[in-house]
């Protein structure tokens, strides 16, 4: 059996805090999958790149990456085709396929460091209604150029009425992948600074508490964009909680399995299995216990199961399901954003690396315009309007209650989660520790917590 890695080990070697002013060709904000992938691509092209991380490398959403490498993790292609047409869906599929190919190349270069394992993936329909929708999904995927095969012979431990097989996908060790990206980028000249939370972003200047970087290109690769305007992404994104459980079990199965509606992802891992549970929105159900959720929903289907470790994370979702990758706004062509992968960070971050590096280097980037934050002809969707109204409600609770702990991002009322001893913002997903120190973006300043009631 392979040695089991620590899910919470982000592999950071300890990098200095940014102090003073520095110059670079490009500065990247965020040391997760997106920031490191983009850095590698730009460093390969010979650019001088500086990366700023508010905490430590790989400590944000990347720390809860489950290592699933698949072109389909839920039913999405049919919905995308219905909303945006076949050409957009085909472009989406081709850019995803290109990203998968790039990941395979990196795995080949890294040899055994990533524990890359080729395997098949199944989308699993739990009932007859989902099976009908899965048939439509299969047709849409085929029209988009993504081969798939209906198959009931999936041997998934969880209940399944029908399945959709996608061959030649893969799994990897996410911690090993982060370490390799970091090491290879450093070999090519990347400068990394940790504990250097960004406090302001101008056209070509990024500032932290103790320093600044002057660069013609700025890439915001945080889980949630730290710049409010232009772009207005805080009105068009939402964040959901997820958890990855490392399980000890004798249940026999092979391959990867994804719930058709995106509730779970399951794969073999280090002699046991890794289960990713996709949960509710940040700030909701503060008293929920992940282990209890697992016991109620999944434990009965796994023979002799026990939980070895659990790590919780936050995934960022766009309203229409497509990530926001490209220029931050039409007015800021040299300021870029990469966010909204919806739990598909391994593939999404590679799409971002290929797209943004091509634009900075002046190369062809066919098909990637579908990800632009300011998409042509895009009007606010019902989901975006609904999210904005929900955010407005939490904001009003914060400003009208003088005793309520407020998020330093935009003033929304914070919610305390006793299981993790953290304060969460239900508007945009910022998190603070028990005494108010900021843990995750978009907030960049500590919150006033002392004396607040934990509820």
Protein backbone atom coordinates (compact mmCIF):
# COMPACT_ATOMS: atom_id res chain seq x y z
CA UNK A 1 0.00 0.00 0.00
CA UNK A 2 1.22 3.51 -0.78
CA UNK A 3 2.05 5.73 2.12
CA UNK A 4 -0.96 7.84 2.94
CA UNK A 5 -0.41 11.58 2.71
CA UNK A 6 -1.83 14.15 5.08
CA UNK A 7 -4.78 15.89 3.43
CA UNK A 8 -3.92 19.04 5.36
CA UNK A 9 -0.30 19.10 4.25
CA UNK A 10 -0.01 21.90 1.69
CA UNK A 11 3.64 21.21 0.99
CA UNK A 12 4.82 24.76 1.72
CA UNK A 13 8.53 25.09 2.42
CA UNK A 14 8.15 28.47 4.06
CA UNK A 15 8.56 31.51 1.82
CA UNK A 16 9.39 35.07 2.86
CA UNK A 17 6.94 37.90 3.45
CA UNK A 18 6.95 40.54 0.72
CA UNK A 19 8.79 43.61 1.94
CA UNK A 20 9.60 46.71 -0.07
CA UNK A 21 8.89 47.36 -3.74
CA UNK A 22 9.63 44.86 -6.49
CA UNK A 23 9.24 44.72 -10.25
CA UNK A 24 8.00 41.85 -12.38
CA UNK A 25 6.51 41.11 -15.78
CA UNK A 26 3.44 39.59 -14.13
CA UNK A 27 2.18 39.39 -10.56
CA UNK A 28 -0.22 36.64 -9.49
CA UNK A 29 -2.47 36.94 -6.44
CA UNK A 30 -3.19 33.52 -4.95
CA UNK A 31 -1.01 30.46 -4.37
CA UNK A 32 -3.48 27.71 -5.17
CA UNK A 33 -4.02 25.56 -8.25
CA UNK A 34 -4.86 28.53 -10.48
CA UNK A 35 -2.02 30.77 -9.37
CA UNK A 36 0.60 28.03 -9.62
CA UNK A 37 -0.66 26.72 -12.98
CA UNK A 38 -0.68 30.19 -14.52
CA UNK A 39 2.74 30.90 -13.02
CA UNK A 40 4.20 27.75 -14.60
CA UNK A 41 2.89 28.65 -18.04
CA UNK A 42 4.21 32.22 -17.85
CA UNK A 43 7.57 31.13 -16.44
CA UNK A 44 7.93 28.62 -19.27
CA UNK A 45 7.60 31.56 -21.66
CA UNK A 46 10.45 33.39 -19.92
CA UNK A 47 8.46 36.01 -18.01
CA UNK A 48 9.57 37.27 -14.59
CA UNK A 49 6.68 36.24 -12.36
CA UNK A 50 5.96 37.07 -8.72
CA UNK A 51 3.27 35.20 -6.76
CA UNK A 52 1.68 36.58 -3.60
CA UNK A 53 -0.14 34.28 -1.17
CA UNK A 54 -2.02 35.58 1.86
CA UNK A 55 -1.46 32.43 3.88
CA UNK A 56 0.69 29.53 2.66
CA UNK A 57 0.97 27.83 -0.72
CA UNK A 58 -1.95 25.48 -1.35
CA UNK A 59 -3.74 26.36 1.89
CA UNK A 60 -7.03 27.66 0.46
CA UNK A 61 -9.57 25.69 -1.57
CA UNK A 62 -6.67 23.74 -3.05
CA UNK A 63 -6.08 22.05 0.32
CA UNK A 64 -9.39 20.20 -0.04
CA UNK A 65 -8.86 19.10 -3.64
CA UNK A 66 -9.94 15.48 -3.98
CA UNK A 67 -7.68 14.60 -6.92
CA UNK A 68 -10.49 13.86 -9.41
CA UNK A 69 -9.45 14.49 -13.03
CA UNK A 70 -12.55 14.16 -15.20
CA UNK A 71 -14.19 15.98 -18.10
CA UNK A 72 -17.59 15.43 -16.48
CA UNK A 73 -18.32 15.53 -12.75
CA UNK A 74 -22.10 16.06 -12.94
CA UNK A 75 -24.78 16.64 -15.57
CA UNK A 76 -23.81 19.94 -17.19
CA UNK A 77 -23.41 19.66 -20.97
CA UNK A 78 -27.13 19.39 -21.73
CA UNK A 79 -27.94 22.41 -19.55
CA UNK A 80 -25.11 24.41 -21.14
CA UNK A 81 -26.30 23.51 -24.63
CA UNK A 82 -29.86 24.56 -23.79
CA UNK A 83 -28.75 27.91 -22.34
CA UNK A 84 -25.89 28.90 -24.63
CA UNK A 85 -26.04 26.74 -27.73
CA UNK A 86 -24.07 23.93 -29.29
CA UNK A 87 -21.08 26.04 -30.37
CA UNK A 88 -20.39 27.23 -26.81
CA UNK A 89 -20.81 23.68 -25.51
CA UNK A 90 -18.38 22.35 -28.11
CA UNK A 91 -15.85 25.06 -27.23
CA UNK A 92 -16.22 24.17 -23.56
CA UNK A 93 -15.58 20.48 -24.27
CA UNK A 94 -12.53 21.15 -26.44
CA UNK A 95 -10.90 23.49 -23.92
CA UNK A 96 -11.53 20.92 -21.19
CA UNK A 97 -9.97 18.18 -23.34
CA UNK A 98 -6.95 20.40 -23.99
CA UNK A 99 -6.55 20.99 -20.25
CA UNK A 100 -6.70 17.26 -19.57
CA UNK A 101 -3.96 16.72 -22.15
CA UNK A 102 -1.78 19.33 -20.46
CA UNK A 103 -2.29 17.62 -17.10
CA UNK A 104 -1.19 14.32 -18.62
CA UNK A 105 1.98 15.96 -19.94
CA UNK A 106 2.80 17.33 -16.49
CA UNK A 107 2.17 13.91 -14.96
CA UNK A 108 4.61 12.43 -17.47
CA UNK A 109 7.25 15.03 -16.62
CA UNK A 110 6.75 14.52 -12.89
CA UNK A 111 6.96 10.74 -13.27
CA UNK A 112 5.68 9.18 -10.03
CA UNK A 113 5.46 12.39 -7.98
CA UNK A 114 1.75 12.88 -8.70
CA UNK A 115 0.67 9.23 -8.23
CA UNK A 116 -1.22 9.66 -11.51
CA UNK A 117 -3.60 6.78 -12.20
CA UNK A 118 -5.60 6.37 -15.40
CA UNK A 119 -9.13 5.18 -14.76
CA UNK A 120 -12.67 5.38 -16.08
CA UNK A 121 -15.35 7.68 -14.72
CA UNK A 122 -19.11 7.23 -14.41
CA UNK A 123 -21.93 9.67 -13.91
CA UNK A 124 -24.46 7.86 -11.71
CA UNK A 125 -28.23 8.43 -11.88
CA UNK A 126 -29.96 7.50 -8.62
CA UNK A 127 -33.48 7.06 -10.02
CA UNK A 128 -35.53 6.80 -13.22
CA UNK A 129 -35.97 10.57 -13.54
CA UNK A 130 -32.23 11.16 -13.34
CA UNK A 131 -31.69 8.32 -15.81
CA UNK A 132 -33.83 10.15 -18.38
CA UNK A 133 -31.82 13.33 -17.87
CA UNK A 134 -28.59 11.35 -18.10
CA UNK A 135 -29.64 10.16 -21.56
CA UNK A 136 -30.01 13.79 -22.67
CA UNK A 137 -26.62 14.53 -21.11
CA UNK A 138 -25.02 11.74 -23.14
CA UNK A 139 -26.44 13.13 -26.39
CA UNK A 140 -25.17 16.64 -25.58
CA UNK A 141 -21.71 15.36 -24.69
CA UNK A 142 -21.44 13.45 -27.95
CA UNK A 143 -22.52 16.50 -29.97
CA UNK A 144 -19.81 18.48 -28.16
CA UNK A 145 -17.17 15.96 -29.20
CA UNK A 146 -16.79 14.14 -25.89
CA UNK A 147 -17.13 10.35 -26.25
CA UNK A 148 -19.27 8.61 -23.64
CA UNK A 149 -21.18 5.36 -23.31
CA UNK A 150 -24.37 4.53 -21.39
CA UNK A 151 -23.50 1.71 -19.00
CA UNK A 152 -25.27 0.03 -16.11
CA UNK A 153 -22.18 -2.11 -15.39
CA UNK A 154 -20.52 0.44 -13.13
CA UNK A 155 -20.25 -1.38 -9.77
CA UNK A 156 -20.73 1.82 -7.82
CA UNK A 157 -21.09 1.23 -4.05
CA UNK A 158 -23.93 3.75 -3.92
CA UNK A 159 -27.41 3.23 -5.42
CA UNK A 160 -27.59 3.74 -9.17
CA UNK A 161 -30.41 3.35 -11.70
CA UNK A 162 -28.17 4.02 -14.69
CA UNK A 163 -24.68 5.23 -15.53
CA UNK A 164 -22.74 7.13 -18.17
CA UNK A 165 -19.18 5.96 -18.80
CA UNK A 166 -16.39 8.39 -19.73
CA UNK A 167 -13.22 6.49 -20.48
CA UNK A 168 -9.57 7.41 -19.87
CA UNK A 169 -9.94 9.90 -17.04
CA UNK A 170 -7.55 9.93 -14.07
CA UNK A 171 -6.86 10.52 -10.40
CA UNK A 172 -3.83 12.14 -8.80
CA UNK A 173 -2.32 13.12 -5.47
CA UNK A 174 -3.34 16.78 -5.17
CA UNK A 175 -0.66 17.56 -2.58
CA UNK A 176 2.01 16.06 -4.82
CA UNK A 177 0.69 18.04 -7.78
CA UNK A 178 0.89 21.32 -5.86
CA UNK A 179 4.44 20.52 -4.76
CA UNK A 180 5.49 19.74 -8.32
CA UNK A 181 3.93 22.91 -9.77
CA UNK A 182 5.69 24.94 -7.10
CA UNK A 183 9.07 23.27 -7.56
CA UNK A 184 9.02 23.41 -11.37
CA UNK A 185 7.91 27.05 -11.44
CA UNK A 186 10.66 28.02 -8.99
CA UNK A 187 13.21 26.29 -11.21
CA UNK A 188 12.00 28.56 -14.02
CA UNK A 189 12.36 31.71 -11.91
CA UNK A 190 9.09 32.14 -10.00
CA UNK A 191 9.37 34.32 -6.87
CA UNK A 192 6.94 33.32 -4.11
CA UNK A 193 5.92 35.34 -1.07
CA UNK A 194 3.70 33.91 1.68
CA UNK A 195 1.84 35.65 4.51
CA UNK A 196 1.55 38.56 2.08
CA UNK A 197 -2.15 39.32 1.91
CA UNK A 198 -3.01 41.81 -0.82
CA UNK A 199 -4.60 45.02 0.45
CA UNK A 200 -5.09 46.91 -2.83
CA UNK A 201 -4.85 46.39 -6.58
CA UNK A 202 -4.29 49.20 -9.07
CA UNK A 203 -3.83 49.04 -12.84
CA UNK A 204 -0.24 47.83 -12.61
CA UNK A 205 0.49 47.82 -8.88
CA UNK A 206 -0.36 45.25 -6.22
CA UNK A 207 0.17 46.25 -2.59
CA UNK A 208 0.39 44.26 0.63
CA UNK A 209 0.79 45.46 4.20
CA UNK A 210 4.58 45.53 3.93
CA UNK A 211 5.36 45.82 0.23
CA UNK A 212 4.24 46.15 -3.38
CA UNK A 213 4.89 44.71 -6.83
CA UNK A 214 4.88 46.79 -10.00
CA UNK A 215 3.99 44.74 -13.09
CA UNK A 216 2.26 45.34 -16.44
CA UNK A 217 0.09 42.23 -15.93
CA UNK A 218 -1.90 41.37 -12.80
CA UNK A 219 -3.74 38.05 -12.36
CA UNK A 220 -6.29 37.62 -9.56
CA UNK A 221 -6.32 33.88 -8.89
CA UNK A 222 -7.91 33.77 -5.45
CA UNK A 223 -10.90 31.50 -4.83
CA UNK A 224 -13.07 34.61 -4.64
CA UNK A 225 -11.82 37.75 -6.44
CA UNK A 226 -10.43 40.33 -4.02
CA UNK A 227 -11.21 43.26 -6.34
CA UNK A 228 -14.86 44.39 -6.25
CA UNK A 229 -14.91 46.84 -9.15
CA UNK A 230 -14.65 46.79 -12.05
CA UNK A 231 -16.07 43.36 -12.77
CA UNK A 232 -18.69 43.17 -10.00
CA UNK A 233 -17.94 39.48 -9.49
CA UNK A 234 -19.21 39.61 -5.92
CA UNK A 235 -22.72 39.90 -7.39
CA UNK A 236 -22.25 36.97 -9.76
CA UNK A 237 -20.59 34.29 -7.68
CA UNK A 238 -21.60 32.13 -4.76
CA UNK A 239 -19.64 29.75 -2.57
CA UNK A 240 -20.57 26.31 -1.30
CA UNK A 241 -18.98 24.12 1.31
CA UNK A 242 -17.47 20.76 0.49
CA UNK A 243 -15.66 18.06 2.42
CA UNK A 244 -13.24 15.33 1.39
CA UNK A 245 -13.22 12.22 3.57
CA UNK A 246 -10.42 9.68 3.46
CA UNK A 247 -12.13 6.37 4.24
CA UNK A 248 -10.93 2.96 5.34
CA UNK A 249 -13.22 0.34 3.78
CA UNK A 250 -13.22 -3.11 2.23
CA UNK A 251 -15.93 -2.21 -0.30
CA UNK A 252 -14.79 -3.55 -3.71
CA UNK A 253 -14.92 -1.14 -6.63
CA UNK A 254 -12.72 0.48 -9.24
CA UNK A 255 -12.93 3.75 -11.16
CA UNK A 256 -14.43 7.11 -10.28
CA UNK A 257 -18.10 7.78 -9.62
CA UNK A 258 -19.87 11.13 -9.72
CA UNK A 259 -23.43 11.73 -8.64
CA UNK A 260 -25.36 12.98 -11.68
CA UNK A 261 -26.57 15.99 -9.67
CA UNK A 262 -23.15 16.69 -8.22
CA UNK A 263 -23.80 15.56 -4.64
CA UNK A 264 -20.71 13.37 -4.36
CA UNK A 265 -17.53 12.15 -6.04
CA UNK A 266 -15.89 8.85 -5.12
CA UNK A 267 -12.59 7.18 -6.02
CA UNK A 268 -10.01 4.69 -4.82
CA UNK A 269 -7.28 6.29 -2.70
CA UNK A 270 -4.35 4.73 -0.84
CA UNK A 271 -5.98 1.36 -0.28
CA UNK A 272 -9.23 2.96 0.86
CA UNK A 273 -11.31 5.58 -0.87
CA UNK A 274 -11.75 9.32 -1.09
CA UNK A 275 -15.28 10.68 -0.91
CA UNK A 276 -16.00 14.29 -1.77
CA UNK A 277 -19.31 15.57 -0.42
CA UNK A 278 -20.68 18.76 -1.95
CA UNK A 279 -22.69 20.55 0.72
CA UNK A 280 -24.69 23.74 1.24
CA UNK A 281 -23.84 27.42 0.78
CA UNK A 282 -21.29 29.06 3.03
CA UNK A 283 -22.96 30.49 6.13
CA UNK A 284 -25.92 28.10 5.98
CA UNK A 285 -26.54 25.22 8.45
CA UNK A 286 -23.80 26.37 10.84
CA UNK A 287 -24.31 23.42 13.22
CA UNK A 288 -23.99 20.73 10.57
CA UNK A 289 -21.37 18.05 11.30
CA UNK A 290 -19.73 16.55 8.21
CA UNK A 291 -19.25 13.13 9.79
CA UNK A 292 -22.96 12.95 10.69
CA UNK A 293 -23.91 13.90 7.13
CA UNK A 294 -21.72 11.06 5.87
CA UNK A 295 -23.23 8.54 8.27
CA UNK A 296 -26.78 9.46 7.25
CA UNK A 297 -26.20 9.54 3.50
CA UNK A 298 -23.43 7.08 2.62
CA UNK A 299 -22.03 4.93 5.44
CA UNK A 300 -24.63 2.16 5.15
CA UNK A 301 -23.50 1.38 1.58
CA UNK A 302 -19.84 0.80 2.48
CA UNK A 303 -18.71 -2.41 4.15
CA UNK A 304 -16.80 -1.89 7.39
CA UNK A 305 -16.17 1.78 6.72
CA UNK A 306 -14.35 4.14 9.08
CA UNK A 307 -13.28 7.75 8.60
CA UNK A 308 -9.52 8.19 8.59
CA UNK A 309 -9.46 11.96 8.02
CA UNK A 310 -11.69 14.82 6.96
CA UNK A 311 -10.92 18.20 5.46
CA UNK A 312 -13.47 20.88 4.65
CA UNK A 313 -13.21 23.39 1.84
CA UNK A 314 -15.08 26.04 -0.10
CA UNK A 315 -15.82 25.96 -3.83
CA UNK A 316 -16.80 29.00 -5.87
CA UNK A 317 -19.62 28.80 -8.44
CA UNK A 318 -20.66 31.10 -11.25
CA UNK A 319 -24.35 31.55 -12.00
CA UNK A 320 -24.27 29.85 -15.42
CA UNK A 321 -21.75 27.13 -14.56
CA UNK A 322 -18.93 28.47 -16.73
CA UNK A 323 -15.85 29.76 -14.88
CA UNK A 324 -14.82 33.39 -15.21
CA UNK A 325 -11.42 33.35 -16.92
CA UNK A 326 -9.95 36.29 -18.80
CA UNK A 327 -9.82 40.07 -18.57
CA UNK A 328 -11.28 41.36 -15.32
CA UNK A 329 -13.35 43.84 -17.30
CA UNK A 330 -13.35 45.51 -20.70
CA UNK A 331 -11.74 48.58 -19.12
CA UNK A 332 -8.84 46.60 -17.62
CA UNK A 333 -7.27 44.47 -20.38
CA UNK A 334 -4.10 43.82 -18.35
CA UNK A 335 -5.94 42.75 -15.18
CA UNK A 336 -7.06 39.11 -15.32
CA UNK A 337 -9.34 36.88 -13.24
CA UNK A 338 -9.65 33.12 -12.80
CA UNK A 339 -12.48 31.87 -10.59
CA UNK A 340 -15.79 30.02 -10.44
CA UNK A 341 -14.72 26.45 -11.21
CA UNK A 342 -17.58 24.94 -9.24
CA UNK A 343 -15.46 22.25 -7.62
CA UNK A 344 -13.64 21.37 -10.86
CA UNK A 345 -10.36 23.04 -9.93
CA UNK A 346 -7.84 20.64 -11.47
CA UNK A 347 -9.23 21.00 -14.99
CA UNK A 348 -10.43 24.59 -14.50
CA UNK A 349 -7.07 25.88 -13.30
CA UNK A 350 -5.35 24.38 -16.33
CA UNK A 351 -7.91 26.02 -18.63
CA UNK A 352 -7.08 29.30 -16.89
CA UNK A 353 -3.34 28.76 -17.35
CA UNK A 354 -3.70 28.04 -21.06
CA UNK A 355 -6.14 30.89 -21.68
CA UNK A 356 -4.53 33.70 -19.67
CA UNK A 357 -0.96 32.87 -20.69
CA UNK A 358 -2.00 32.86 -24.36
CA UNK A 359 -3.58 36.30 -24.03
CA UNK A 360 -0.59 37.78 -22.20
CA UNK A 361 1.82 36.31 -24.76
CA UNK A 362 -0.30 37.40 -27.74
CA UNK A 363 -1.00 33.84 -28.89
CA UNK A 364 -4.12 32.33 -30.42
CA UNK A 365 -6.71 31.39 -27.81
CA UNK A 366 -9.59 29.98 -29.81
CA UNK A 367 -12.59 28.85 -27.81
CA UNK A 368 -11.58 30.53 -24.56
CA UNK A 369 -13.75 33.62 -25.07
CA UNK A 370 -16.69 31.64 -23.64
CA UNK A 371 -15.11 32.10 -20.20
CA UNK A 372 -14.75 35.89 -20.32
CA UNK A 373 -16.26 37.56 -17.28
CA UNK A 374 -17.87 40.18 -19.49
CA UNK A 375 -19.32 37.73 -21.98
CA UNK A 376 -20.83 39.23 -25.10
CA UNK A 377 -24.58 39.59 -24.87
CA UNK A 378 -24.68 38.28 -21.32
CA UNK A 379 -27.53 39.68 -19.25
CA UNK A 380 -27.99 39.08 -15.53
CA UNK A 381 -29.55 35.65 -15.08
CA UNK A 382 -32.33 34.72 -12.67
CA UNK A 383 -29.72 32.93 -10.55
CA UNK A 384 -27.54 36.04 -10.43
CA UNK A 385 -30.48 38.24 -9.46
CA UNK A 386 -31.53 35.75 -6.78
CA UNK A 387 -28.00 35.58 -5.38
CA UNK A 388 -27.82 39.38 -5.29
CA UNK A 389 -31.10 39.61 -3.36
CA UNK A 390 -29.88 37.03 -0.85
CA UNK A 391 -26.65 38.98 -0.41
CA UNK A 392 -28.61 42.19 0.09
CA UNK A 393 -30.56 40.57 2.93
CA UNK A 394 -27.42 39.53 4.80
CA UNK A 395 -25.92 42.97 4.18
CA UNK A 396 -28.95 44.69 5.71
CA UNK A 397 -28.77 42.38 8.73
CA UNK A 398 -25.21 43.51 9.21
CA UNK A 399 -25.72 47.25 8.91
CA UNK A 400 -28.96 47.40 10.92
CA UNK A 401 -27.69 45.35 13.87
CA UNK A 402 -24.95 47.25 15.64
CA UNK A 403 -24.01 44.20 17.73
CA UNK A 404 -23.71 41.81 14.79
CA UNK A 405 -20.16 40.83 13.76
CA UNK A 406 -19.66 42.15 10.24
CA UNK A 407 -17.51 40.99 7.37
CA UNK A 408 -14.81 43.50 6.47
CA UNK A 409 -15.38 42.87 2.78
CA UNK A 410 -18.79 44.54 2.40
CA UNK A 411 -20.38 44.53 5.84
CA UNK A 412 -22.56 41.41 5.71
CA UNK A 413 -23.52 39.72 8.98
CA UNK A 414 -21.16 36.88 9.87
CA UNK A 415 -22.33 33.41 10.96
CA UNK A 416 -20.42 31.34 13.51
CA UNK A 417 -19.69 27.67 12.75
CA UNK A 418 -18.85 25.98 16.09
CA UNK A 419 -17.57 22.75 14.53
CA UNK A 420 -14.67 24.61 12.90
CA UNK A 421 -14.54 27.59 15.31
CA UNK A 422 -14.81 29.95 12.36
CA UNK A 423 -16.94 32.92 11.36
CA UNK A 424 -18.30 32.72 7.80
CA UNK A 425 -19.76 35.35 5.52
CA UNK A 426 -22.93 34.03 3.81
CA UNK A 427 -22.61 36.71 1.12
CA UNK A 428 -19.20 36.08 -0.41
CA UNK A 429 -17.58 33.33 1.64
CA UNK A 430 -14.92 35.20 3.61
CA UNK A 431 -13.85 33.29 6.71
CA UNK A 432 -12.37 34.47 9.99
CA UNK A 433 -10.99 32.59 12.97
CA UNK A 434 -12.59 32.62 16.40
CA UNK A 435 -11.20 36.04 17.29
CA UNK A 436 -11.60 37.68 13.89
CA UNK A 437 -8.34 37.13 12.02
CA UNK A 438 -9.07 36.84 8.30
CA UNK A 439 -8.52 33.34 6.91
CA UNK A 440 -9.82 33.50 3.36
CA UNK A 441 -10.74 36.06 0.70
CA UNK A 442 -12.34 38.23 -0.46
CA UNK A 443 -11.94 39.98 2.90
CA UNK A 444 -8.45 41.40 3.39
CA UNK A 445 -8.87 42.94 6.87
CA UNK A 446 -9.57 41.34 10.27
CA UNK A 447 -13.11 41.51 11.69
CA UNK A 448 -14.23 42.95 15.03
CA UNK A 449 -15.47 39.86 16.86
CA UNK A 450 -14.87 40.47 20.57
CA UNK A 451 -18.11 40.49 22.54
CA UNK A 452 -20.20 39.17 19.64
CA UNK A 453 -22.66 36.38 20.34
CA UNK A 454 -21.75 33.13 18.61
CA UNK A 455 -24.92 32.14 16.79
